[in-house]
Amino acid sequence: MKWEDSIKGFEAYLRLEKGLSQNSINAYINDITKLLEFLKKDFNGLLPHKVKLNHLKSFVEWLNEKGVSPRTQARTISGIKSYYKYLLIEEKIVSDPTSLLESPKIGRKLPDVLSIEEIDALIDAIETEKPEGQRNKAILETLYSCGLRVSELVSLKISNLYFDQGYVKIEGKAKKERLVPISMRAIEEINKYREGYRKALKIVPGADDILFLNRRGQRLSRVMIFTIIKNLASKLKLDKKISPHTFRHSFATHLIDGGADLRAVQEMLGHESILTTEIYTHLDREYLKDTINQFHPRS
């Protein structure tokens, strides 16, 4: 069994059976490529079915020597475990060499969160007199109102807007669909954008149903959403590391701080496991701890 053939099969498995996006597939393939690079260097390009636990342990040591962070190491090991699980399913191997491979211990990184005032300030900083201003305002209101991933935002379809019922249908990871409530404020900003900026565009074929478009009438890129937010943060001199995902974190944190049920937030975020959603309760605990450290006389 050659590496090239098995990687092609793994890629098809991730796309067809797991329903992963191309970005996620590329991340998995990159993990396998790192392992192959190491094996070519130290073990004469050992074939995938001949790799043993001791080779993988040496690979982890190599990553560590290269200064790869524990979090990235854990992500790489996870990708390699998925690859060997696939080989086992396809009966290309009889035993999984990764079954006893341990990942480095990492703490859960708590995401940056914006306050309601900071979100309002960012949205107010948008220059709506510029042609794309109303579009950008609608984008930020939608991110915060619905807690979307950036990939979900750029692929949001007009046919999936149910404003009469107050919902939007989101196509999330692995093409799983969910209904998410949308605020009246976001609806108003989207309608203004559609009646103004979007209506004046010459839309390219295939983008007719995509809600947010660039000035060429094409779907916005993920990078463009990052750029819009980074520019606004820079304009306000906001001393936080923010991205489109920060609006998603803020959406969830503000809901839970306000007393929302964790299961309801899980459903709206599209998390497969409630353990992923629980990080936002940790944020609240961190706030409590900081408050005690700052104000308690025994701290």
C-alpha atoms as a PDB file:
ATOM      1  CA  MET A   1       0.000   0.000   0.000  1.00  0.00           C
ATOM      2  CA  LYS A   2       1.515   3.307  -1.156  1.00  0.00           C
ATOM      3  CA  TRP A   3       1.119   6.606   0.681  1.00  0.00           C
ATOM      4  CA  GLU A   4      -0.206   8.402  -2.393  1.00  0.00           C
ATOM      5  CA  ASP A   5      -3.024   5.888  -2.977  1.00  0.00           C
ATOM      6  CA  SER A   6      -4.052   5.699   0.677  1.00  0.00           C
ATOM      7  CA  ILE A   7      -4.098   9.509   1.042  1.00  0.00           C
ATOM      8  CA  LYS A   8      -6.329   9.829  -2.041  1.00  0.00           C
ATOM      9  CA  GLY A   9      -8.694   7.241  -0.558  1.00  0.00           C
ATOM     10  CA  PHE A  10      -8.669   9.029   2.814  1.00  0.00           C
ATOM     11  CA  GLU A  11      -9.467  12.337   1.106  1.00  0.00           C
ATOM     12  CA  ALA A  12     -12.445  10.766  -0.696  1.00  0.00           C
ATOM     13  CA  TYR A  13     -13.622   9.204   2.598  1.00  0.00           C
ATOM     14  CA  LEU A  14     -13.542  12.593   4.367  1.00  0.00           C
ATOM     15  CA  ARG A  15     -15.431  14.275   1.530  1.00  0.00           C
ATOM     16  CA  LEU A  16     -18.051  11.644   0.705  1.00  0.00           C
ATOM     17  CA  GLU A  17     -18.657   9.793   3.967  1.00  0.00           C
ATOM     18  CA  LYS A  18     -17.822  12.467   6.537  1.00  0.00           C
ATOM     19  CA  GLY A  19     -19.132  15.380   4.452  1.00  0.00           C
ATOM     20  CA  LEU A  20     -16.258  17.662   5.484  1.00  0.00           C
ATOM     21  CA  SER A  21     -15.487  20.998   3.851  1.00  0.00           C
ATOM     22  CA  GLN A  22     -12.396  21.387   1.658  1.00  0.00           C
ATOM     23  CA  ASN A  23     -10.694  23.465   4.387  1.00  0.00           C
ATOM     24  CA  SER A  24     -11.129  20.651   6.924  1.00  0.00           C
ATOM     25  CA  ILE A  25      -9.962  18.030   4.413  1.00  0.00           C
ATOM     26  CA  ASN A  26      -6.839  20.084   3.667  1.00  0.00           C
ATOM     27  CA  ALA A  27      -6.060  20.236   7.405  1.00  0.00           C
ATOM     28  CA  TYR A  28      -6.273  16.425   7.705  1.00  0.00           C
ATOM     29  CA  ILE A  29      -4.109  15.864   4.616  1.00  0.00           C
ATOM     30  CA  ASN A  30      -1.564  18.344   5.985  1.00  0.00           C
ATOM     31  CA  ASP A  31      -1.320  16.232   9.179  1.00  0.00           C
ATOM     32  CA  ILE A  32      -0.537  13.101   7.138  1.00  0.00           C
ATOM     33  CA  THR A  33       1.969  15.037   5.003  1.00  0.00           C
ATOM     34  CA  LYS A  34       3.883  16.032   8.165  1.00  0.00           C
ATOM     35  CA  LEU A  35       4.103  12.374   9.214  1.00  0.00           C
ATOM     36  CA  LEU A  36       5.281  11.358   5.746  1.00  0.00           C
ATOM     37  CA  GLU A  37       7.929  14.108   5.786  1.00  0.00           C
ATOM     38  CA  PHE A  38       9.264  12.744   9.078  1.00  0.00           C
ATOM     39  CA  LEU A  39       9.236   9.097   7.919  1.00  0.00           C
ATOM     40  CA  LYS A  40      11.111   9.972   4.711  1.00  0.00           C
ATOM     41  CA  LYS A  41      13.725  11.774   6.773  1.00  0.00           C
ATOM     42  CA  ASP A  42      14.266   9.234   9.574  1.00  0.00           C
ATOM     43  CA  PHE A  43      12.777   5.914   8.439  1.00  0.00           C
ATOM     44  CA  ASN A  44      13.430   5.788   4.690  1.00  0.00           C
ATOM     45  CA  GLY A  45       9.807   6.514   3.753  1.00  0.00           C
ATOM     46  CA  LEU A  46       8.271   3.647   5.724  1.00  0.00           C
ATOM     47  CA  LEU A  47       4.968   2.553   4.138  1.00  0.00           C
ATOM     48  CA  PRO A  48       1.730   3.331   6.035  1.00  0.00           C
ATOM     49  CA  HIS A  49       0.890  -0.287   6.934  1.00  0.00           C
ATOM     50  CA  LYS A  50       4.372  -0.796   8.413  1.00  0.00           C
ATOM     51  CA  VAL A  51       4.215   2.171  10.793  1.00  0.00           C
ATOM     52  CA  LYS A  52       4.294   1.133  14.467  1.00  0.00           C
ATOM     53  CA  LEU A  53       3.710   2.928  17.757  1.00  0.00           C
ATOM     54  CA  ASN A  54       7.449   3.544  18.287  1.00  0.00           C
ATOM     55  CA  HIS A  55       7.647   5.378  14.926  1.00  0.00           C
ATOM     56  CA  LEU A  56       4.719   7.587  15.904  1.00  0.00           C
ATOM     57  CA  LYS A  57       6.238   8.374  19.296  1.00  0.00           C
ATOM     58  CA  SER A  58       9.434   9.421  17.533  1.00  0.00           C
ATOM     59  CA  PHE A  59       7.317  11.604  15.244  1.00  0.00           C
ATOM     60  CA  VAL A  60       5.758  13.380  18.260  1.00  0.00           C
ATOM     61  CA  GLU A  61       9.253  13.946  19.716  1.00  0.00           C
ATOM     62  CA  TRP A  62      10.304  15.408  16.334  1.00  0.00           C
ATOM     63  CA  LEU A  63       7.353  17.817  16.396  1.00  0.00           C
ATOM     64  CA  ASN A  64       8.318  18.841  19.920  1.00  0.00           C
ATOM     65  CA  GLU A  65      11.938  19.468  18.915  1.00  0.00           C
ATOM     66  CA  LYS A  66      10.724  21.662  16.057  1.00  0.00           C
ATOM     67  CA  GLY A  67       8.922  23.859  18.596  1.00  0.00           C
ATOM     68  CA  VAL A  68       5.396  22.872  17.519  1.00  0.00           C
ATOM     69  CA  SER A  69       2.931  23.933  20.230  1.00  0.00           C
ATOM     70  CA  PRO A  70       1.121  21.253  22.278  1.00  0.00           C
ATOM     71  CA  ARG A  71      -2.209  22.385  20.787  1.00  0.00           C
ATOM     72  CA  THR A  72      -0.929  21.939  17.200  1.00  0.00           C
ATOM     73  CA  GLN A  73       0.659  18.605  18.150  1.00  0.00           C
ATOM     74  CA  ALA A  74      -2.682  17.414  19.505  1.00  0.00           C
ATOM     75  CA  ARG A  75      -4.433  18.524  16.318  1.00  0.00           C
ATOM     76  CA  THR A  76      -1.862  16.687  14.145  1.00  0.00           C
ATOM     77  CA  ILE A  77      -2.126  13.494  16.199  1.00  0.00           C
ATOM     78  CA  SER A  78      -5.925  13.659  15.913  1.00  0.00           C
ATOM     79  CA  GLY A  79      -5.604  13.838  12.105  1.00  0.00           C
ATOM     80  CA  ILE A  80      -3.253  10.853  12.016  1.00  0.00           C
ATOM     81  CA  LYS A  81      -5.573   8.834  14.277  1.00  0.00           C
ATOM     82  CA  SER A  82      -8.442   9.551  11.841  1.00  0.00           C
ATOM     83  CA  TYR A  83      -6.276   8.393   8.928  1.00  0.00           C
ATOM     84  CA  TYR A  84      -5.436   5.057  10.584  1.00  0.00           C
ATOM     85  CA  LYS A  85      -9.041   4.580  11.643  1.00  0.00           C
ATOM     86  CA  TYR A  86      -9.950   4.912   7.948  1.00  0.00           C
ATOM     87  CA  LEU A  87      -7.294   2.322   6.985  1.00  0.00           C
ATOM     88  CA  LEU A  88      -8.734  -0.042   9.598  1.00  0.00           C
ATOM     89  CA  ILE A  89     -12.294   0.428   8.282  1.00  0.00           C
ATOM     90  CA  GLU A  90     -11.080  -0.241   4.734  1.00  0.00           C
ATOM     91  CA  GLU A  91      -9.185  -3.334   5.993  1.00  0.00           C
ATOM     92  CA  LYS A  92      -5.889  -1.972   4.697  1.00  0.00           C
ATOM     93  CA  ILE A  93      -4.360  -2.712   8.122  1.00  0.00           C
ATOM     94  CA  VAL A  94      -5.188  -5.317  10.782  1.00  0.00           C
ATOM     95  CA  SER A  95      -4.259  -3.234  13.844  1.00  0.00           C
ATOM     96  CA  ASP A  96      -4.218   0.493  14.585  1.00  0.00           C
ATOM     97  CA  PRO A  97      -0.747   1.780  15.608  1.00  0.00           C
ATOM     98  CA  THR A  98      -2.283   5.005  16.964  1.00  0.00           C
ATOM     99  CA  SER A  99      -4.547   3.313  19.530  1.00  0.00           C
ATOM    100  CA  LEU A 100      -2.018   3.808  22.360  1.00  0.00           C
ATOM    101  CA  LEU A 101      -0.590   7.097  21.070  1.00  0.00           C
ATOM    102  CA  GLU A 102      -1.172   9.864  23.612  1.00  0.00           C
ATOM    103  CA  SER A 103      -1.706  13.523  22.790  1.00  0.00           C
ATOM    104  CA  PRO A 104       0.042  16.241  24.835  1.00  0.00           C
ATOM    105  CA  LYS A 105      -2.037  17.652  27.645  1.00  0.00           C
ATOM    106  CA  ILE A 106      -3.403  21.085  26.785  1.00  0.00           C
ATOM    107  CA  GLY A 107      -5.626  23.481  28.667  1.00  0.00           C
ATOM    108  CA  ARG A 108      -8.792  24.784  27.068  1.00  0.00           C
ATOM    109  CA  LYS A 109      -8.144  28.221  25.654  1.00  0.00           C
ATOM    110  CA  LEU A 110     -10.932  30.589  26.550  1.00  0.00           C
ATOM    111  CA  PRO A 111     -11.937  32.746  23.583  1.00  0.00           C
ATOM    112  CA  ASP A 112     -11.947  36.530  23.578  1.00  0.00           C
ATOM    113  CA  VAL A 113     -15.424  37.965  24.076  1.00  0.00           C
ATOM    114  CA  LEU A 114     -16.739  41.415  23.215  1.00  0.00           C
ATOM    115  CA  SER A 115     -19.041  43.318  25.514  1.00  0.00           C
ATOM    116  CA  ILE A 116     -22.395  44.547  24.176  1.00  0.00           C
ATOM    117  CA  GLU A 117     -20.955  48.076  24.197  1.00  0.00           C
ATOM    118  CA  GLU A 118     -17.934  46.991  22.135  1.00  0.00           C
ATOM    119  CA  ILE A 119     -20.155  45.254  19.572  1.00  0.00           C
ATOM    120  CA  ASP A 120     -22.341  48.366  19.300  1.00  0.00           C
ATOM    121  CA  ALA A 121     -19.216  50.520  18.887  1.00  0.00           C
ATOM    122  CA  LEU A 122     -17.878  48.310  16.087  1.00  0.00           C
ATOM    123  CA  ILE A 123     -21.188  48.408  14.217  1.00  0.00           C
ATOM    124  CA  ASP A 124     -21.546  52.179  14.759  1.00  0.00           C
ATOM    125  CA  ALA A 125     -18.020  52.676  13.334  1.00  0.00           C
ATOM    126  CA  ILE A 126     -19.158  51.413   9.923  1.00  0.00           C
ATOM    127  CA  GLU A 127     -19.381  54.253   7.406  1.00  0.00           C
ATOM    128  CA  THR A 128     -22.820  53.614   5.914  1.00  0.00           C
ATOM    129  CA  GLU A 129     -22.395  56.426   3.380  1.00  0.00           C
ATOM    130  CA  LYS A 130     -19.897  54.168   1.562  1.00  0.00           C
ATOM    131  CA  PRO A 131     -21.505  51.770  -0.966  1.00  0.00           C
ATOM    132  CA  GLU A 132     -20.552  48.620   0.989  1.00  0.00           C
ATOM    133  CA  GLY A 133     -21.282  50.158   4.403  1.00  0.00           C
ATOM    134  CA  GLN A 134     -24.851  48.880   4.724  1.00  0.00           C
ATOM    135  CA  ARG A 135     -23.740  45.419   3.636  1.00  0.00           C
ATOM    136  CA  ASN A 136     -21.036  45.371   6.329  1.00  0.00           C
ATOM    137  CA  LYS A 137     -23.525  46.526   8.944  1.00  0.00           C
ATOM    138  CA  ALA A 138     -25.904  43.707   7.969  1.00  0.00           C
ATOM    139  CA  ILE A 139     -23.012  41.217   8.125  1.00  0.00           C
ATOM    140  CA  LEU A 140     -22.020  42.153  11.689  1.00  0.00           C
ATOM    141  CA  GLU A 141     -25.613  42.234  12.909  1.00  0.00           C
ATOM    142  CA  THR A 142     -26.168  38.757  11.413  1.00  0.00           C
ATOM    143  CA  LEU A 143     -22.968  37.337  12.935  1.00  0.00           C
ATOM    144  CA  TYR A 144     -23.925  38.577  16.393  1.00  0.00           C
ATOM    145  CA  SER A 145     -27.671  37.919  16.127  1.00  0.00           C
ATOM    146  CA  CYS A 146     -27.309  34.305  14.954  1.00  0.00           C
ATOM    147  CA  GLY A 147     -23.879  33.218  16.270  1.00  0.00           C
ATOM    148  CA  LEU A 148     -22.789  31.955  12.857  1.00  0.00           C
ATOM    149  CA  ARG A 149     -19.468  30.492  11.777  1.00  0.00           C
ATOM    150  CA  VAL A 150     -17.844  32.606   9.056  1.00  0.00           C
ATOM    151  CA  SER A 151     -18.278  29.741   6.553  1.00  0.00           C
ATOM    152  CA  GLU A 152     -22.011  29.679   7.352  1.00  0.00           C
ATOM    153  CA  LEU A 153     -22.276  33.440   6.891  1.00  0.00           C
ATOM    154  CA  VAL A 154     -20.647  33.584   3.437  1.00  0.00           C
ATOM    155  CA  SER A 155     -22.814  30.706   2.180  1.00  0.00           C
ATOM    156  CA  LEU A 156     -26.095  32.026   3.651  1.00  0.00           C
ATOM    157  CA  LYS A 157     -28.832  31.819   1.008  1.00  0.00           C
ATOM    158  CA  ILE A 158     -31.742  34.173   0.411  1.00  0.00           C
ATOM    159  CA  SER A 159     -33.988  31.123  -0.019  1.00  0.00           C
ATOM    160  CA  ASN A 160     -33.094  30.139   3.565  1.00  0.00           C
ATOM    161  CA  LEU A 161     -34.328  33.407   5.098  1.00  0.00           C
ATOM    162  CA  TYR A 162     -37.675  32.979   6.864  1.00  0.00           C
ATOM    163  CA  PHE A 163     -38.108  36.505   8.174  1.00  0.00           C
ATOM    164  CA  ASP A 164     -41.895  36.153   8.618  1.00  0.00           C
ATOM    165  CA  GLN A 165     -41.210  33.425  11.187  1.00  0.00           C
ATOM    166  CA  GLY A 166     -38.069  35.118  12.535  1.00  0.00           C
ATOM    167  CA  TYR A 167     -35.673  32.309  11.520  1.00  0.00           C
ATOM    168  CA  VAL A 168     -32.843  31.573   9.111  1.00  0.00           C
ATOM    169  CA  LYS A 169     -31.892  28.079   7.964  1.00  0.00           C
ATOM    170  CA  ILE A 170     -28.179  27.417   8.309  1.00  0.00           C
ATOM    171  CA  GLU A 171     -26.173  24.778   6.480  1.00  0.00           C
ATOM    172  CA  GLY A 172     -23.480  23.926   9.023  1.00  0.00           C
ATOM    173  CA  LYS A 173     -20.627  21.449   9.331  1.00  0.00           C
ATOM    174  CA  ALA A 174     -21.027  18.149   7.476  1.00  0.00           C
ATOM    175  CA  LYS A 175     -23.996  19.773   5.686  1.00  0.00           C
ATOM    176  CA  LYS A 176     -26.172  19.534   8.808  1.00  0.00           C
ATOM    177  CA  GLU A 177     -29.047  22.011   8.746  1.00  0.00           C
ATOM    178  CA  ARG A 178     -30.452  23.940  11.693  1.00  0.00           C
ATOM    179  CA  LEU A 179     -32.946  26.748  12.235  1.00  0.00           C
ATOM    180  CA  VAL A 180     -31.627  29.778  14.129  1.00  0.00           C
ATOM    181  CA  PRO A 181     -33.706  32.730  15.366  1.00  0.00           C
ATOM    182  CA  ILE A 182     -32.713  36.116  13.938  1.00  0.00           C
ATOM    183  CA  SER A 183     -33.285  39.498  15.592  1.00  0.00           C
ATOM    184  CA  MET A 184     -35.524  42.207  14.159  1.00  0.00           C
ATOM    185  CA  ARG A 185     -32.502  44.524  14.042  1.00  0.00           C
ATOM    186  CA  ALA A 186     -30.553  42.095  11.848  1.00  0.00           C
ATOM    187  CA  ILE A 187     -33.617  41.622   9.605  1.00  0.00           C
ATOM    188  CA  GLU A 188     -33.931  45.402   9.161  1.00  0.00           C
ATOM    189  CA  GLU A 189     -30.246  45.791   8.241  1.00  0.00           C
ATOM    190  CA  ILE A 190     -30.388  42.871   5.779  1.00  0.00           C
ATOM    191  CA  ASN A 191     -33.495  44.301   4.105  1.00  0.00           C
ATOM    192  CA  LYS A 192     -31.829  47.728   3.747  1.00  0.00           C
ATOM    193  CA  TYR A 193     -28.771  46.061   2.200  1.00  0.00           C
ATOM    194  CA  ARG A 194     -30.878  44.035  -0.233  1.00  0.00           C
ATOM    195  CA  GLU A 195     -32.913  47.057  -1.331  1.00  0.00           C
ATOM    196  CA  GLY A 196     -29.840  49.222  -1.795  1.00  0.00           C
ATOM    197  CA  TYR A 197     -26.323  47.872  -2.391  1.00  0.00           C
ATOM    198  CA  ARG A 198     -27.274  44.343  -3.475  1.00  0.00           C
ATOM    199  CA  LYS A 199     -30.042  45.439  -5.828  1.00  0.00           C
ATOM    200  CA  ALA A 200     -27.579  47.609  -7.777  1.00  0.00           C
ATOM    201  CA  LEU A 201     -25.071  44.777  -8.340  1.00  0.00           C
ATOM    202  CA  LYS A 202     -24.578  42.842 -11.540  1.00  0.00           C
ATOM    203  CA  ILE A 203     -24.714  39.360 -10.026  1.00  0.00           C
ATOM    204  CA  VAL A 204     -22.633  36.599 -11.605  1.00  0.00           C
ATOM    205  CA  PRO A 205     -24.399  33.342 -12.573  1.00  0.00           C
ATOM    206  CA  GLY A 206     -24.591  30.941  -9.633  1.00  0.00           C
ATOM    207  CA  ALA A 207     -24.505  33.664  -6.971  1.00  0.00           C
ATOM    208  CA  ASP A 208     -28.144  34.763  -7.342  1.00  0.00           C
ATOM    209  CA  ASP A 209     -29.232  33.015  -4.145  1.00  0.00           C
ATOM    210  CA  ILE A 210     -26.194  34.018  -2.040  1.00  0.00           C
ATOM    211  CA  LEU A 211     -27.096  36.800   0.390  1.00  0.00           C
ATOM    212  CA  PHE A 212     -23.813  38.641   0.929  1.00  0.00           C
ATOM    213  CA  LEU A 213     -21.913  39.597  -2.235  1.00  0.00           C
ATOM    214  CA  ASN A 214     -18.847  41.662  -3.134  1.00  0.00           C
ATOM    215  CA  ARG A 215     -18.871  44.594  -5.567  1.00  0.00           C
ATOM    216  CA  ARG A 216     -18.322  42.186  -8.485  1.00  0.00           C
ATOM    217  CA  GLY A 217     -21.534  40.339  -7.662  1.00  0.00           C
ATOM    218  CA  GLN A 218     -19.700  37.288  -6.314  1.00  0.00           C
ATOM    219  CA  ARG A 219     -19.845  35.449  -3.002  1.00  0.00           C
ATOM    220  CA  LEU A 220     -17.746  37.121  -0.303  1.00  0.00           C
ATOM    221  CA  SER A 221     -14.632  35.246   0.795  1.00  0.00           C
ATOM    222  CA  ARG A 222     -13.910  34.279   4.399  1.00  0.00           C
ATOM    223  CA  VAL A 223     -10.812  36.495   4.247  1.00  0.00           C
ATOM    224  CA  MET A 224     -12.946  39.512   3.327  1.00  0.00           C
ATOM    225  CA  ILE A 225     -15.084  39.067   6.469  1.00  0.00           C
ATOM    226  CA  PHE A 226     -11.903  38.917   8.590  1.00  0.00           C
ATOM    227  CA  THR A 227     -10.615  42.078   6.871  1.00  0.00           C
ATOM    228  CA  ILE A 228     -13.837  44.033   7.496  1.00  0.00           C
ATOM    229  CA  ILE A 229     -13.735  43.226  11.214  1.00  0.00           C
ATOM    230  CA  LYS A 230      -9.972  43.784  11.611  1.00  0.00           C
ATOM    231  CA  ASN A 231     -10.255  47.219   9.978  1.00  0.00           C
ATOM    232  CA  LEU A 232     -13.092  48.238  12.296  1.00  0.00           C
ATOM    233  CA  ALA A 233     -11.199  47.012  15.381  1.00  0.00           C
ATOM    234  CA  SER A 234      -8.124  48.952  14.238  1.00  0.00           C
ATOM    235  CA  LYS A 235     -10.221  52.075  13.668  1.00  0.00           C
ATOM    236  CA  LEU A 236     -11.525  51.884  17.250  1.00  0.00           C
ATOM    237  CA  LYS A 237      -8.076  50.899  18.600  1.00  0.00           C
ATOM    238  CA  LEU A 238      -9.780  47.937  20.275  1.00  0.00           C
ATOM    239  CA  ASP A 239      -7.204  46.150  22.412  1.00  0.00           C
ATOM    240  CA  LYS A 240      -8.508  42.624  21.764  1.00  0.00           C
ATOM    241  CA  LYS A 241      -7.663  39.915  19.281  1.00  0.00           C
ATOM    242  CA  ILE A 242     -10.934  39.670  17.361  1.00  0.00           C
ATOM    243  CA  SER A 243     -12.216  37.814  14.311  1.00  0.00           C
ATOM    244  CA  PRO A 244     -15.633  36.770  12.932  1.00  0.00           C
ATOM    245  CA  HIS A 245     -15.565  33.925  15.468  1.00  0.00           C
ATOM    246  CA  THR A 246     -15.408  36.480  18.289  1.00  0.00           C
ATOM    247  CA  PHE A 247     -18.985  37.473  17.431  1.00  0.00           C
ATOM    248  CA  ARG A 248     -20.018  33.805  17.738  1.00  0.00           C
ATOM    249  CA  HIS A 249     -18.304  33.539  21.133  1.00  0.00           C
ATOM    250  CA  SER A 250     -19.939  36.767  22.260  1.00  0.00           C
ATOM    251  CA  PHE A 251     -23.368  35.574  21.071  1.00  0.00           C
ATOM    252  CA  ALA A 252     -23.091  32.400  23.168  1.00  0.00           C
ATOM    253  CA  THR A 253     -21.566  34.059  26.223  1.00  0.00           C
ATOM    254  CA  HIS A 254     -24.190  36.812  26.361  1.00  0.00           C
ATOM    255  CA  LEU A 255     -26.985  34.240  26.083  1.00  0.00           C
ATOM    256  CA  ILE A 256     -25.611  32.082  28.898  1.00  0.00           C
ATOM    257  CA  ASP A 257     -24.826  35.111  31.077  1.00  0.00           C
ATOM    258  CA  GLY A 258     -28.461  36.133  30.587  1.00  0.00           C
ATOM    259  CA  GLY A 259     -29.671  32.743  31.836  1.00  0.00           C
ATOM    260  CA  ALA A 260     -30.243  30.847  28.566  1.00  0.00           C
ATOM    261  CA  ASP A 261     -30.483  27.047  28.714  1.00  0.00           C
ATOM    262  CA  LEU A 262     -27.225  25.356  27.676  1.00  0.00           C
ATOM    263  CA  ARG A 263     -29.047  22.867  25.417  1.00  0.00           C
ATOM    264  CA  ALA A 264     -30.780  25.711  23.570  1.00  0.00           C
ATOM    265  CA  VAL A 265     -27.439  27.457  22.992  1.00  0.00           C
ATOM    266  CA  GLN A 266     -25.927  24.164  21.801  1.00  0.00           C
ATOM    267  CA  GLU A 267     -28.736  23.820  19.254  1.00  0.00           C
ATOM    268  CA  MET A 268     -28.334  27.388  17.983  1.00  0.00           C
ATOM    269  CA  LEU A 269     -24.558  27.066  17.635  1.00  0.00           C
ATOM    270  CA  GLY A 270     -24.841  23.702  15.890  1.00  0.00           C
ATOM    271  CA  HIS A 271     -22.465  21.961  18.321  1.00  0.00           C
ATOM    272  CA  GLU A 272     -22.527  18.188  18.057  1.00  0.00           C
ATOM    273  CA  SER A 273     -21.533  17.798  21.712  1.00  0.00           C
ATOM    274  CA  ILE A 274     -22.722  19.877  24.653  1.00  0.00           C
ATOM    275  CA  LEU A 275     -19.156  19.658  26.023  1.00  0.00           C
ATOM    276  CA  THR A 276     -18.129  22.135  23.303  1.00  0.00           C
ATOM    277  CA  THR A 277     -20.864  24.542  24.411  1.00  0.00           C
ATOM    278  CA  GLU A 278     -19.821  24.236  28.063  1.00  0.00           C
ATOM    279  CA  ILE A 279     -16.713  26.350  27.432  1.00  0.00           C
ATOM    280  CA  TYR A 280     -19.006  29.381  27.704  1.00  0.00           C
ATOM    281  CA  THR A 281     -19.946  28.441  31.255  1.00  0.00           C
ATOM    282  CA  HIS A 282     -16.188  28.334  31.948  1.00  0.00           C
ATOM    283  CA  LEU A 283     -15.970  31.906  30.715  1.00  0.00           C
ATOM    284  CA  ASP A 284     -18.539  32.910  33.301  1.00  0.00           C
ATOM    285  CA  ARG A 285     -16.583  31.111  36.031  1.00  0.00           C
ATOM    286  CA  GLU A 286     -13.408  32.948  34.981  1.00  0.00           C
ATOM    287  CA  TYR A 287     -15.267  36.235  35.376  1.00  0.00           C
ATOM    288  CA  LEU A 288     -16.376  35.226  38.877  1.00  0.00           C
ATOM    289  CA  LYS A 289     -12.830  34.222  39.806  1.00  0.00           C
ATOM    290  CA  ASP A 290     -11.415  37.509  38.515  1.00  0.00           C
ATOM    291  CA  THR A 291     -14.049  39.422  40.495  1.00  0.00           C
ATOM    292  CA  ILE A 292     -13.089  37.626  43.720  1.00  0.00           C
ATOM    293  CA  ASN A 293      -9.366  38.158  43.091  1.00  0.00           C
ATOM    294  CA  GLN A 294      -9.921  41.844  42.485  1.00  0.00           C
ATOM    295  CA  PHE A 295     -12.380  42.720  45.240  1.00  0.00           C
ATOM    296  CA  HIS A 296     -12.247  40.126  48.068  1.00  0.00           C
ATOM    297  CA  PRO A 297     -10.230  41.293  51.112  1.00  0.00           C
ATOM    298  CA  ARG A 298      -8.577  37.869  51.499  1.00  0.00           C
ATOM    299  CA  SER A 299      -7.360  37.746  47.874  1.00  0.00           C
END
